[in-house]
Amino acid sequence: MDGNGRWAAENGLSRAEGHRRGAERIEEIIELCKDRGVKFITLYAFSDENWNRPSDEVLALMQLLRHFLVSKRGGMVEKGVRFRVIGDVERLPAELQKDIKETQELTKGGDRITMIVALSYGSRQEILRAVNGLIQKGVGEVTQEIFDEALDTADFPDPDLLIRTSGEFRISNFMLWQLAYTELYFTHTLWPDFDEAELEKAIVSYSQRERRFGMTSEQVK
């Protein structure tokens, strides 16, 4: 969800306000995806590298995340949204960790869509945590299945589609292992402006692609 800061600058607003507008966009996109039968959506909200941003911006983001969790959890339960988090959660403020646990517990029965939020997340760091965890368990030979189970995303399928907003053409340390056969879609639209029409463009683009997973066209027909 990239482009909150640039959107704010273009509209003469603070970066904090840009992030707030971006957070408002999340609820709409979750509903649109749910209505289209999407079962899992992962939102890259705060990367491991984002800790290097100015401290006042980081603080504003943490406060915004807490407000989002507390104010939206009732709606999540009502709408069948299961909330989960991936990333190095232990680096987050204690109060936010508490809100995360409470929201995950309250929404665990959601069966319409699973909203996964990547917080303090970096794929290289995730992979290292998985490797070190397997070493500590004394695992000898590691298979793909064993490694999958050691990742933060063990309970979720690999993404079918990655959408990157704001005109950036990179994946920025996001799910490097899981994106092996994910379709990529890039748009210049800034995240606060990413609406139903923009989502539909991404879905149409995805639907027109042939997913072969290394096989020939004849094999996947």
Protein backbone atom coordinates (compact mmCIF):
# COMPACT_ATOMS: atom_id res chain seq x y z
CA MET A 1 0.00 0.00 0.00
CA ASP A 2 2.46 2.63 -1.20
CA GLY A 3 2.04 6.33 -1.83
CA ASN A 4 0.43 7.73 1.33
CA GLY A 5 3.19 10.28 1.85
CA ARG A 6 3.23 11.43 -1.76
CA TRP A 7 -0.55 11.65 -1.79
CA ALA A 8 -0.40 13.88 1.29
CA ALA A 9 2.27 16.11 -0.27
CA GLU A 10 0.25 16.50 -3.47
CA ASN A 11 -2.77 17.53 -1.41
CA GLY A 12 -0.94 19.87 0.97
CA LEU A 13 -1.44 17.58 3.97
CA SER A 14 0.86 16.03 6.58
CA ARG A 15 2.32 12.57 6.10
CA ALA A 16 0.35 11.43 9.14
CA GLU A 17 -2.86 12.51 7.41
CA GLY A 18 -1.77 10.63 4.31
CA HIS A 19 -1.39 7.46 6.35
CA ARG A 20 -4.81 8.05 7.93
CA ARG A 21 -6.43 8.36 4.52
CA GLY A 22 -4.62 5.23 3.45
CA ALA A 23 -6.00 3.36 6.45
CA GLU A 24 -9.51 4.48 5.53
CA ARG A 25 -9.05 2.93 2.10
CA ILE A 26 -8.36 -0.49 3.63
CA GLU A 27 -11.93 -1.11 4.80
CA GLU A 28 -13.35 -0.43 1.33
CA ILE A 29 -10.85 -2.71 -0.40
CA ILE A 30 -11.48 -5.52 2.09
CA GLU A 31 -15.21 -5.34 1.39
CA LEU A 32 -14.69 -5.27 -2.38
CA CYS A 33 -12.38 -8.29 -2.23
CA LYS A 34 -14.78 -10.15 0.06
CA ASP A 35 -17.67 -9.51 -2.35
CA ARG A 36 -15.55 -10.93 -5.18
CA GLY A 37 -14.86 -14.16 -3.32
CA VAL A 38 -11.27 -13.40 -2.31
CA LYS A 39 -10.47 -15.51 0.76
CA PHE A 40 -7.07 -14.07 1.76
CA ILE A 41 -5.65 -10.56 1.44
CA THR A 42 -2.31 -9.44 2.84
CA LEU A 43 -1.63 -5.75 3.47
CA TYR A 44 2.01 -4.64 3.72
CA ALA A 45 1.47 -1.97 6.38
CA PHE A 46 4.87 -1.50 8.05
CA SER A 47 8.12 -3.03 6.90
CA ASP A 48 11.17 -3.94 8.94
CA GLU A 49 12.98 -1.12 7.12
CA ASN A 50 10.26 1.39 8.08
CA TRP A 51 11.72 1.47 11.60
CA ASN A 52 14.38 3.74 10.05
CA ARG A 53 11.84 6.48 9.29
CA PRO A 54 11.65 9.65 11.46
CA SER A 55 10.57 8.76 14.99
CA ASP A 56 7.52 11.04 14.91
CA GLU A 57 6.23 9.33 11.77
CA VAL A 58 6.80 5.87 13.28
CA LEU A 59 4.93 6.94 16.43
CA ALA A 60 2.04 8.28 14.35
CA LEU A 61 1.86 5.01 12.44
CA MET A 62 1.81 2.94 15.63
CA GLN A 63 -0.99 5.11 17.03
CA LEU A 64 -2.92 4.80 13.79
CA LEU A 65 -2.58 1.03 13.84
CA ARG A 66 -3.90 0.87 17.41
CA HIS A 67 -6.85 3.09 16.51
CA PHE A 68 -7.62 0.96 13.45
CA LEU A 69 -7.60 -2.27 15.43
CA VAL A 70 -9.76 -1.01 18.29
CA SER A 71 -12.27 0.89 16.15
CA LYS A 72 -12.66 -1.72 13.40
CA ARG A 73 -12.62 -5.02 15.33
CA GLY A 74 -16.38 -4.98 15.94
CA GLY A 75 -17.02 -4.50 12.23
CA MET A 76 -14.60 -7.30 11.40
CA VAL A 77 -16.55 -9.71 13.60
CA GLU A 78 -19.86 -8.60 12.09
CA LYS A 79 -18.61 -8.93 8.51
CA GLY A 80 -16.83 -12.27 8.95
CA VAL A 81 -13.30 -10.91 8.65
CA ARG A 82 -10.55 -12.92 10.36
CA PHE A 83 -7.60 -10.73 11.37
CA ARG A 84 -4.03 -12.05 11.47
CA VAL A 85 -0.56 -10.52 11.61
CA ILE A 86 2.80 -11.59 10.19
CA GLY A 87 6.19 -10.10 10.99
CA ASP A 88 8.48 -9.53 13.95
CA VAL A 89 5.62 -8.59 16.28
CA GLU A 90 7.88 -8.49 19.35
CA ARG A 91 9.45 -5.26 18.06
CA LEU A 92 6.08 -3.48 18.20
CA PRO A 93 5.00 -1.43 21.26
CA ALA A 94 3.54 -3.56 24.05
CA GLU A 95 0.16 -1.84 23.80
CA LEU A 96 -0.07 -2.60 20.09
CA GLN A 97 0.92 -6.23 20.67
CA LYS A 98 -1.94 -6.47 23.16
CA ASP A 99 -4.41 -4.98 20.66
CA ILE A 100 -3.22 -7.43 18.01
CA LYS A 101 -3.74 -10.45 20.26
CA GLU A 102 -7.20 -9.27 21.30
CA THR A 103 -8.29 -8.57 17.73
CA GLN A 104 -6.99 -11.91 16.49
CA GLU A 105 -8.85 -13.71 19.26
CA LEU A 106 -12.11 -11.81 18.72
CA THR A 107 -12.10 -12.37 14.94
CA LYS A 108 -10.85 -15.97 14.85
CA GLY A 109 -14.27 -17.20 13.75
CA GLY A 110 -14.37 -15.01 10.65
CA ASP A 111 -15.04 -17.18 7.61
CA ARG A 112 -15.64 -14.68 4.79
CA ILE A 113 -12.09 -13.37 4.32
CA THR A 114 -8.77 -13.45 6.19
CA MET A 115 -7.07 -10.06 6.41
CA ILE A 116 -3.37 -10.54 7.05
CA VAL A 117 -1.44 -7.43 8.02
CA ALA A 118 2.35 -7.44 7.65
CA LEU A 119 3.78 -5.42 10.56
CA SER A 120 7.48 -5.00 11.27
CA TYR A 121 7.78 -7.44 8.38
CA GLY A 122 10.71 -8.17 6.12
CA SER A 123 10.96 -11.33 4.05
CA ARG A 124 14.71 -11.77 4.52
CA GLN A 125 14.22 -11.45 8.27
CA GLU A 126 11.30 -13.91 8.14
CA ILE A 127 13.46 -16.44 6.29
CA LEU A 128 16.27 -16.06 8.83
CA ARG A 129 13.81 -16.50 11.72
CA ALA A 130 12.53 -19.66 10.05
CA VAL A 131 16.04 -21.04 9.50
CA ASN A 132 17.15 -20.30 13.05
CA GLY A 133 13.94 -21.81 14.41
CA LEU A 134 14.57 -25.04 12.51
CA ILE A 135 18.18 -25.13 13.72
CA GLN A 136 17.03 -24.73 17.33
CA LYS A 137 14.59 -27.61 16.83
CA GLY A 138 17.43 -29.78 15.56
CA VAL A 139 15.86 -30.36 12.16
CA GLY A 140 18.28 -32.17 9.88
CA GLU A 141 17.24 -32.24 6.25
CA VAL A 142 14.86 -29.40 5.39
CA THR A 143 12.24 -29.95 2.70
CA GLN A 144 10.13 -27.27 1.05
CA GLU A 145 7.14 -28.41 3.09
CA ILE A 146 9.06 -28.19 6.39
CA PHE A 147 10.35 -24.73 5.49
CA ASP A 148 6.87 -23.53 4.50
CA GLU A 149 5.62 -24.53 7.95
CA ALA A 150 8.39 -22.53 9.64
CA LEU A 151 7.44 -19.25 7.95
CA ASP A 152 5.08 -16.59 9.30
CA THR A 153 2.67 -17.52 6.50
CA ALA A 154 2.42 -21.23 7.40
CA ASP A 155 -1.37 -21.02 7.75
CA PHE A 156 -1.96 -19.22 4.45
CA PRO A 157 -1.70 -20.08 0.75
CA ASP A 158 0.91 -18.38 -1.42
CA PRO A 159 -0.43 -15.20 -3.06
CA ASP A 160 -1.99 -15.45 -6.52
CA LEU A 161 -1.66 -11.74 -7.22
CA LEU A 162 0.60 -8.98 -5.88
CA ILE A 163 -0.60 -5.39 -6.39
CA ARG A 164 1.98 -2.62 -5.90
CA THR A 165 0.65 0.93 -5.95
CA SER A 166 2.27 4.35 -6.54
CA GLY A 167 4.44 3.55 -9.55
CA GLU A 168 7.17 1.65 -7.73
CA PHE A 169 8.40 -1.39 -9.67
CA ARG A 170 9.89 -3.55 -6.94
CA ILE A 171 8.66 -5.93 -4.23
CA SER A 172 10.60 -4.32 -1.36
CA ASN A 173 11.51 -7.37 0.72
CA PHE A 174 7.96 -8.72 0.68
CA MET A 175 7.28 -12.48 0.68
CA LEU A 176 10.36 -13.36 -1.39
CA TRP A 177 9.78 -17.09 -0.87
CA GLN A 178 6.00 -17.03 -1.24
CA LEU A 179 5.93 -14.96 -4.46
CA ALA A 180 7.70 -17.62 -6.53
CA TYR A 181 4.73 -17.98 -8.93
CA THR A 182 2.67 -14.93 -8.01
CA GLU A 183 1.38 -12.67 -10.78
CA LEU A 184 2.65 -9.08 -10.38
CA TYR A 185 0.59 -5.97 -11.08
CA PHE A 186 1.98 -2.44 -10.84
CA THR A 187 -0.02 0.78 -10.97
CA HIS A 188 0.90 4.46 -10.71
CA THR A 189 -2.18 5.11 -8.58
CA LEU A 190 -1.32 6.19 -5.04
CA TRP A 191 -2.82 3.97 -2.33
CA PRO A 192 -5.34 6.53 -0.95
CA ASP A 193 -6.76 6.78 -4.50
CA PHE A 194 -6.87 3.00 -5.08
CA ASP A 195 -10.63 2.47 -5.44
CA GLU A 196 -13.01 -0.10 -6.90
CA ALA A 197 -12.16 0.84 -10.48
CA GLU A 198 -8.45 0.39 -9.83
CA LEU A 199 -9.02 -2.94 -8.10
CA GLU A 200 -11.09 -4.12 -11.05
CA LYS A 201 -8.26 -3.23 -13.45
CA ALA A 202 -5.89 -5.40 -11.44
CA ILE A 203 -8.33 -8.32 -11.34
CA VAL A 204 -9.02 -8.09 -15.08
CA SER A 205 -5.28 -8.05 -15.79
CA TYR A 206 -4.83 -11.12 -13.60
CA SER A 207 -7.72 -12.97 -15.24
CA GLN A 208 -6.16 -12.54 -18.68
CA ARG A 209 -2.91 -14.25 -17.74
CA GLU A 210 -2.05 -17.89 -18.18
CA ARG A 211 -0.60 -19.44 -15.04
CA ARG A 212 1.58 -22.39 -16.08
CA PHE A 213 3.76 -22.97 -12.97
CA GLY A 214 6.63 -24.13 -15.18
CA MET A 215 4.46 -26.35 -17.40
CA THR A 216 3.40 -25.86 -21.01
CA SER A 217 0.12 -24.28 -22.09
CA GLU A 218 -1.13 -27.67 -23.24
CA GLN A 219 -0.52 -29.20 -19.81
CA VAL A 220 -2.54 -26.60 -17.89
CA LYS A 221 -5.57 -26.63 -20.20
